[in-house]
Amino acid sequence: MAKLEFYRDDQGNACARGSDQRLATFLQTDLQGSVEVTRDLAGKLAGSDKKAEFSGNGHSVSITPVMAVIESHFDDEAPDRRMTRAHLLKQVEAWLKFISDEKHA
């Protein structure tokens, strides 16, 4: 499992990097520093609904009982990023902790 690093850029924006660049880009561009948006996605991933959808600035996420698929809105040639629903939830929760801690620091 790829580990992502979360940090703030010179302008104070929440950023992510690591070997899973597609996931890092999704967190950075679609969830950004928004606690509310991040909580919304985490709720969909943790919820009991068998299927859910999330649409962000540059990507959409299709959620099934086991899998989550991140698709680009703008790059038709970019491969979809498939992962387990549990893995994406773990990464979104880590992002939420990062942006929440930073807001209260």
N, C-alpha and C. Protein backbone atom coordinates (compact mmCIF):
# COMPACT_ATOMS: atom_id res chain seq x y z
N MET A 1 0.85 -1.18 0.00
CA MET A 1 0.00 0.00 0.00
C MET A 1 0.89 1.24 0.00
N ALA A 2 0.61 2.12 -0.90
CA ALA A 2 1.40 3.34 -1.03
C ALA A 2 1.10 4.30 0.12
N LYS A 3 2.13 4.90 0.65
CA LYS A 3 1.96 5.90 1.71
C LYS A 3 2.05 7.28 1.07
N LEU A 4 1.13 8.13 1.47
CA LEU A 4 1.13 9.50 0.98
C LEU A 4 1.67 10.42 2.05
N GLU A 5 2.31 11.48 1.61
CA GLU A 5 2.80 12.52 2.51
C GLU A 5 1.92 13.76 2.31
N PHE A 6 1.45 14.30 3.41
CA PHE A 6 0.65 15.51 3.37
C PHE A 6 1.49 16.67 3.90
N TYR A 7 1.35 17.84 3.26
CA TYR A 7 2.12 19.01 3.64
C TYR A 7 1.41 20.27 3.18
N ARG A 8 1.90 21.40 3.59
CA ARG A 8 1.37 22.70 3.16
C ARG A 8 2.39 23.34 2.22
N ASP A 9 1.90 23.92 1.12
CA ASP A 9 2.80 24.63 0.21
C ASP A 9 3.07 26.04 0.75
N ASP A 10 3.81 26.82 0.00
CA ASP A 10 4.18 28.17 0.44
C ASP A 10 2.98 29.08 0.66
N GLN A 11 1.87 28.79 -0.01
CA GLN A 11 0.66 29.60 0.15
C GLN A 11 -0.26 29.04 1.24
N GLY A 12 0.14 27.94 1.87
CA GLY A 12 -0.66 27.34 2.93
C GLY A 12 -1.71 26.35 2.45
N ASN A 13 -1.69 26.00 1.16
CA ASN A 13 -2.65 25.04 0.63
C ASN A 13 -2.29 23.62 1.04
N ALA A 14 -3.30 22.82 1.33
CA ALA A 14 -3.09 21.41 1.65
C ALA A 14 -2.67 20.68 0.39
N CYS A 15 -1.57 19.92 0.49
CA CYS A 15 -1.01 19.20 -0.66
C CYS A 15 -0.71 17.76 -0.27
N ALA A 16 -0.63 16.90 -1.27
CA ALA A 16 -0.30 15.49 -1.06
C ALA A 16 0.67 15.05 -2.15
N ARG A 17 1.54 14.12 -1.77
CA ARG A 17 2.45 13.52 -2.75
C ARG A 17 2.79 12.11 -2.28
N GLY A 18 3.28 11.32 -3.20
CA GLY A 18 3.65 9.95 -2.89
C GLY A 18 3.61 9.11 -4.14
N SER A 19 3.77 7.81 -3.97
CA SER A 19 3.84 6.93 -5.13
C SER A 19 2.48 6.75 -5.82
N ASP A 20 1.39 7.01 -5.11
CA ASP A 20 0.06 6.95 -5.72
C ASP A 20 -0.34 8.38 -6.12
N GLN A 21 0.26 8.86 -7.19
CA GLN A 21 0.08 10.25 -7.60
C GLN A 21 -1.37 10.56 -7.96
N ARG A 22 -2.09 9.62 -8.52
CA ARG A 22 -3.49 9.87 -8.88
C ARG A 22 -4.32 10.15 -7.64
N LEU A 23 -4.14 9.34 -6.60
CA LEU A 23 -4.86 9.54 -5.35
C LEU A 23 -4.44 10.85 -4.70
N ALA A 24 -3.15 11.14 -4.71
CA ALA A 24 -2.65 12.40 -4.14
C ALA A 24 -3.27 13.59 -4.86
N THR A 25 -3.32 13.53 -6.17
CA THR A 25 -3.91 14.62 -6.96
C THR A 25 -5.39 14.77 -6.63
N PHE A 26 -6.11 13.67 -6.49
CA PHE A 26 -7.52 13.72 -6.14
C PHE A 26 -7.73 14.41 -4.79
N LEU A 27 -6.98 14.02 -3.79
CA LEU A 27 -7.13 14.64 -2.47
C LEU A 27 -6.84 16.13 -2.54
N GLN A 28 -5.79 16.48 -3.23
CA GLN A 28 -5.33 17.88 -3.29
C GLN A 28 -6.26 18.76 -4.11
N THR A 29 -6.78 18.25 -5.22
CA THR A 29 -7.55 19.11 -6.12
C THR A 29 -9.06 19.04 -5.89
N ASP A 30 -9.54 17.92 -5.37
CA ASP A 30 -10.98 17.77 -5.22
C ASP A 30 -11.45 17.97 -3.78
N LEU A 31 -10.71 17.45 -2.82
CA LEU A 31 -11.10 17.65 -1.42
C LEU A 31 -10.47 18.92 -0.86
N GLN A 32 -9.28 19.24 -1.35
CA GLN A 32 -8.56 20.45 -0.94
C GLN A 32 -8.51 20.54 0.58
N GLY A 33 -8.67 21.72 1.13
CA GLY A 33 -8.65 21.91 2.57
C GLY A 33 -10.03 21.93 3.18
N SER A 34 -11.02 21.42 2.48
CA SER A 34 -12.40 21.49 2.94
C SER A 34 -12.76 20.32 3.85
N VAL A 35 -12.91 20.62 5.13
CA VAL A 35 -13.32 19.60 6.10
C VAL A 35 -14.70 19.07 5.73
N GLU A 36 -15.60 19.96 5.33
CA GLU A 36 -16.98 19.55 5.02
C GLU A 36 -17.04 18.59 3.83
N VAL A 37 -16.33 18.93 2.76
CA VAL A 37 -16.35 18.07 1.57
C VAL A 37 -15.70 16.73 1.89
N THR A 38 -14.60 16.76 2.63
CA THR A 38 -13.90 15.52 2.99
C THR A 38 -14.78 14.65 3.88
N ARG A 39 -15.47 15.26 4.83
CA ARG A 39 -16.39 14.49 5.69
C ARG A 39 -17.52 13.88 4.87
N ASP A 40 -18.01 14.62 3.88
CA ASP A 40 -19.07 14.11 3.02
C ASP A 40 -18.62 12.83 2.32
N LEU A 41 -17.43 12.85 1.72
CA LEU A 41 -16.93 11.67 1.03
C LEU A 41 -16.66 10.54 2.02
N ALA A 42 -16.07 10.84 3.16
CA ALA A 42 -15.82 9.80 4.16
C ALA A 42 -17.12 9.15 4.60
N GLY A 43 -18.17 9.95 4.76
CA GLY A 43 -19.47 9.42 5.13
C GLY A 43 -20.04 8.48 4.09
N LYS A 44 -19.85 8.84 2.83
CA LYS A 44 -20.33 7.98 1.74
C LYS A 44 -19.56 6.66 1.72
N LEU A 45 -18.24 6.74 1.96
CA LEU A 45 -17.42 5.53 1.96
C LEU A 45 -17.71 4.64 3.15
N ALA A 46 -18.00 5.23 4.30
CA ALA A 46 -18.24 4.46 5.52
C ALA A 46 -19.71 4.05 5.66
N GLY A 47 -20.57 4.67 4.88
CA GLY A 47 -22.00 4.45 5.01
C GLY A 47 -22.43 3.05 4.59
N SER A 48 -23.68 2.77 4.87
CA SER A 48 -24.22 1.45 4.56
C SER A 48 -24.79 1.34 3.14
N ASP A 49 -24.83 2.47 2.43
CA ASP A 49 -25.31 2.42 1.04
C ASP A 49 -24.39 1.54 0.22
N LYS A 50 -24.98 0.68 -0.59
CA LYS A 50 -24.17 -0.22 -1.39
C LYS A 50 -23.43 0.52 -2.50
N LYS A 51 -24.06 1.58 -3.02
CA LYS A 51 -23.46 2.37 -4.08
C LYS A 51 -23.60 3.84 -3.74
N ALA A 52 -22.62 4.63 -4.17
CA ALA A 52 -22.67 6.07 -3.97
C ALA A 52 -21.81 6.72 -5.04
N GLU A 53 -22.01 8.00 -5.21
CA GLU A 53 -21.23 8.79 -6.17
C GLU A 53 -20.74 10.05 -5.48
N PHE A 54 -19.58 10.52 -5.91
CA PHE A 54 -19.02 11.78 -5.43
C PHE A 54 -18.45 12.49 -6.64
N SER A 55 -18.74 13.77 -6.76
CA SER A 55 -18.20 14.54 -7.88
C SER A 55 -17.46 15.75 -7.33
N GLY A 56 -16.20 15.87 -7.71
CA GLY A 56 -15.37 16.98 -7.25
C GLY A 56 -15.01 17.90 -8.40
N ASN A 57 -13.99 18.71 -8.19
CA ASN A 57 -13.55 19.68 -9.19
C ASN A 57 -12.99 19.02 -10.45
N GLY A 58 -12.18 18.01 -10.27
CA GLY A 58 -11.50 17.40 -11.41
C GLY A 58 -11.74 15.92 -11.57
N HIS A 59 -12.38 15.30 -10.57
CA HIS A 59 -12.59 13.85 -10.59
C HIS A 59 -13.97 13.51 -10.06
N SER A 60 -14.40 12.31 -10.41
CA SER A 60 -15.59 11.74 -9.79
C SER A 60 -15.19 10.41 -9.19
N VAL A 61 -15.94 9.99 -8.18
CA VAL A 61 -15.68 8.72 -7.52
C VAL A 61 -16.96 7.90 -7.57
N SER A 62 -16.84 6.69 -8.10
CA SER A 62 -17.94 5.73 -8.09
C SER A 62 -17.64 4.72 -7.00
N ILE A 63 -18.60 4.55 -6.09
CA ILE A 63 -18.41 3.69 -4.93
C ILE A 63 -19.36 2.51 -5.03
N THR A 64 -18.81 1.30 -4.96
CA THR A 64 -19.60 0.08 -4.94
C THR A 64 -19.39 -0.57 -3.57
N PRO A 65 -20.05 -1.69 -3.29
CA PRO A 65 -19.89 -2.29 -1.97
C PRO A 65 -18.44 -2.60 -1.60
N VAL A 66 -17.60 -2.91 -2.57
CA VAL A 66 -16.21 -3.29 -2.26
C VAL A 66 -15.19 -2.33 -2.85
N MET A 67 -15.47 -1.74 -3.99
CA MET A 67 -14.48 -0.95 -4.71
C MET A 67 -14.86 0.52 -4.80
N ALA A 68 -13.85 1.34 -5.07
CA ALA A 68 -14.03 2.75 -5.38
C ALA A 68 -13.17 3.05 -6.60
N VAL A 69 -13.72 3.84 -7.52
CA VAL A 69 -13.02 4.17 -8.76
C VAL A 69 -12.98 5.68 -8.90
N ILE A 70 -11.77 6.22 -9.02
CA ILE A 70 -11.57 7.65 -9.25
C ILE A 70 -11.38 7.85 -10.75
N GLU A 71 -12.22 8.72 -11.34
CA GLU A 71 -12.15 9.00 -12.77
C GLU A 71 -11.91 10.49 -12.98
N SER A 72 -11.10 10.83 -13.95
CA SER A 72 -10.82 12.22 -14.28
C SER A 72 -11.97 12.82 -15.08
N HIS A 73 -12.32 14.07 -14.77
CA HIS A 73 -13.33 14.79 -15.56
C HIS A 73 -12.73 15.35 -16.85
N PHE A 74 -11.42 15.57 -16.87
CA PHE A 74 -10.81 16.33 -17.96
C PHE A 74 -9.84 15.54 -18.83
N ASP A 75 -9.28 14.47 -18.34
CA ASP A 75 -8.29 13.72 -19.09
C ASP A 75 -8.86 12.35 -19.46
N ASP A 76 -9.40 12.25 -20.66
CA ASP A 76 -10.02 11.01 -21.11
C ASP A 76 -9.02 9.87 -21.25
N GLU A 77 -7.76 10.20 -21.38
CA GLU A 77 -6.74 9.17 -21.55
C GLU A 77 -6.15 8.70 -20.23
N ALA A 78 -6.44 9.40 -19.15
CA ALA A 78 -5.92 9.00 -17.85
C ALA A 78 -6.65 7.73 -17.39
N PRO A 79 -5.89 6.73 -16.97
CA PRO A 79 -6.56 5.51 -16.52
C PRO A 79 -7.31 5.77 -15.21
N ASP A 80 -8.41 5.08 -15.04
CA ASP A 80 -9.15 5.16 -13.79
C ASP A 80 -8.28 4.59 -12.67
N ARG A 81 -8.44 5.13 -11.48
CA ARG A 81 -7.70 4.61 -10.31
C ARG A 81 -8.68 3.78 -9.49
N ARG A 82 -8.48 2.48 -9.49
CA ARG A 82 -9.34 1.56 -8.76
C ARG A 82 -8.66 1.13 -7.47
N MET A 83 -9.46 1.07 -6.40
CA MET A 83 -8.93 0.61 -5.11
C MET A 83 -10.11 0.12 -4.29
N THR A 84 -9.81 -0.55 -3.20
CA THR A 84 -10.91 -0.98 -2.36
C THR A 84 -11.53 0.23 -1.68
N ARG A 85 -12.79 0.09 -1.39
CA ARG A 85 -13.52 1.14 -0.69
C ARG A 85 -12.86 1.42 0.66
N ALA A 86 -12.44 0.36 1.33
CA ALA A 86 -11.79 0.50 2.65
C ALA A 86 -10.47 1.28 2.53
N HIS A 87 -9.71 1.03 1.47
CA HIS A 87 -8.44 1.75 1.30
C HIS A 87 -8.69 3.24 1.06
N LEU A 88 -9.64 3.56 0.20
CA LEU A 88 -9.92 4.96 -0.05
C LEU A 88 -10.43 5.63 1.23
N LEU A 89 -11.27 4.96 1.98
CA LEU A 89 -11.76 5.53 3.24
C LEU A 89 -10.59 5.82 4.18
N LYS A 90 -9.66 4.91 4.28
CA LYS A 90 -8.48 5.12 5.15
C LYS A 90 -7.70 6.36 4.71
N GLN A 91 -7.51 6.52 3.42
CA GLN A 91 -6.76 7.67 2.91
C GLN A 91 -7.54 8.97 3.11
N VAL A 92 -8.84 8.94 2.90
CA VAL A 92 -9.67 10.14 3.10
C VAL A 92 -9.70 10.51 4.58
N GLU A 93 -9.77 9.52 5.46
CA GLU A 93 -9.74 9.82 6.90
C GLU A 93 -8.39 10.42 7.32
N ALA A 94 -7.30 9.94 6.73
CA ALA A 94 -5.98 10.51 7.03
C ALA A 94 -5.90 11.96 6.54
N TRP A 95 -6.46 12.23 5.36
CA TRP A 95 -6.51 13.59 4.82
C TRP A 95 -7.34 14.49 5.73
N LEU A 96 -8.48 13.98 6.19
CA LEU A 96 -9.35 14.74 7.09
C LEU A 96 -8.62 15.08 8.38
N LYS A 97 -7.90 14.13 8.92
CA LYS A 97 -7.12 14.40 10.14
C LYS A 97 -6.08 15.49 9.88
N PHE A 98 -5.40 15.39 8.74
CA PHE A 98 -4.38 16.39 8.39
C PHE A 98 -4.98 17.78 8.27
N ILE A 99 -6.05 17.92 7.51
CA ILE A 99 -6.60 19.27 7.32
C ILE A 99 -7.29 19.77 8.58
N SER A 100 -7.84 18.89 9.37
CA SER A 100 -8.47 19.30 10.64
C SER A 100 -7.43 19.74 11.65
N ASP A 101 -6.36 18.98 11.77
CA ASP A 101 -5.28 19.33 12.70
C ASP A 101 -4.65 20.67 12.34
N GLU A 102 -4.48 20.88 11.05
CA GLU A 102 -3.85 22.13 10.58
C GLU A 102 -4.74 23.33 10.88
N LYS A 103 -6.04 23.16 10.80
CA LYS A 103 -6.95 24.27 11.05
C LYS A 103 -7.00 24.63 12.53
N HIS A 104 -6.67 23.66 13.38
CA HIS A 104 -6.74 23.89 14.81
C HIS A 104 -5.38 24.11 15.43
N ALA A 105 -4.34 24.13 14.63
CA ALA A 105 -2.98 24.29 15.16
C ALA A 105 -2.71 25.74 15.53
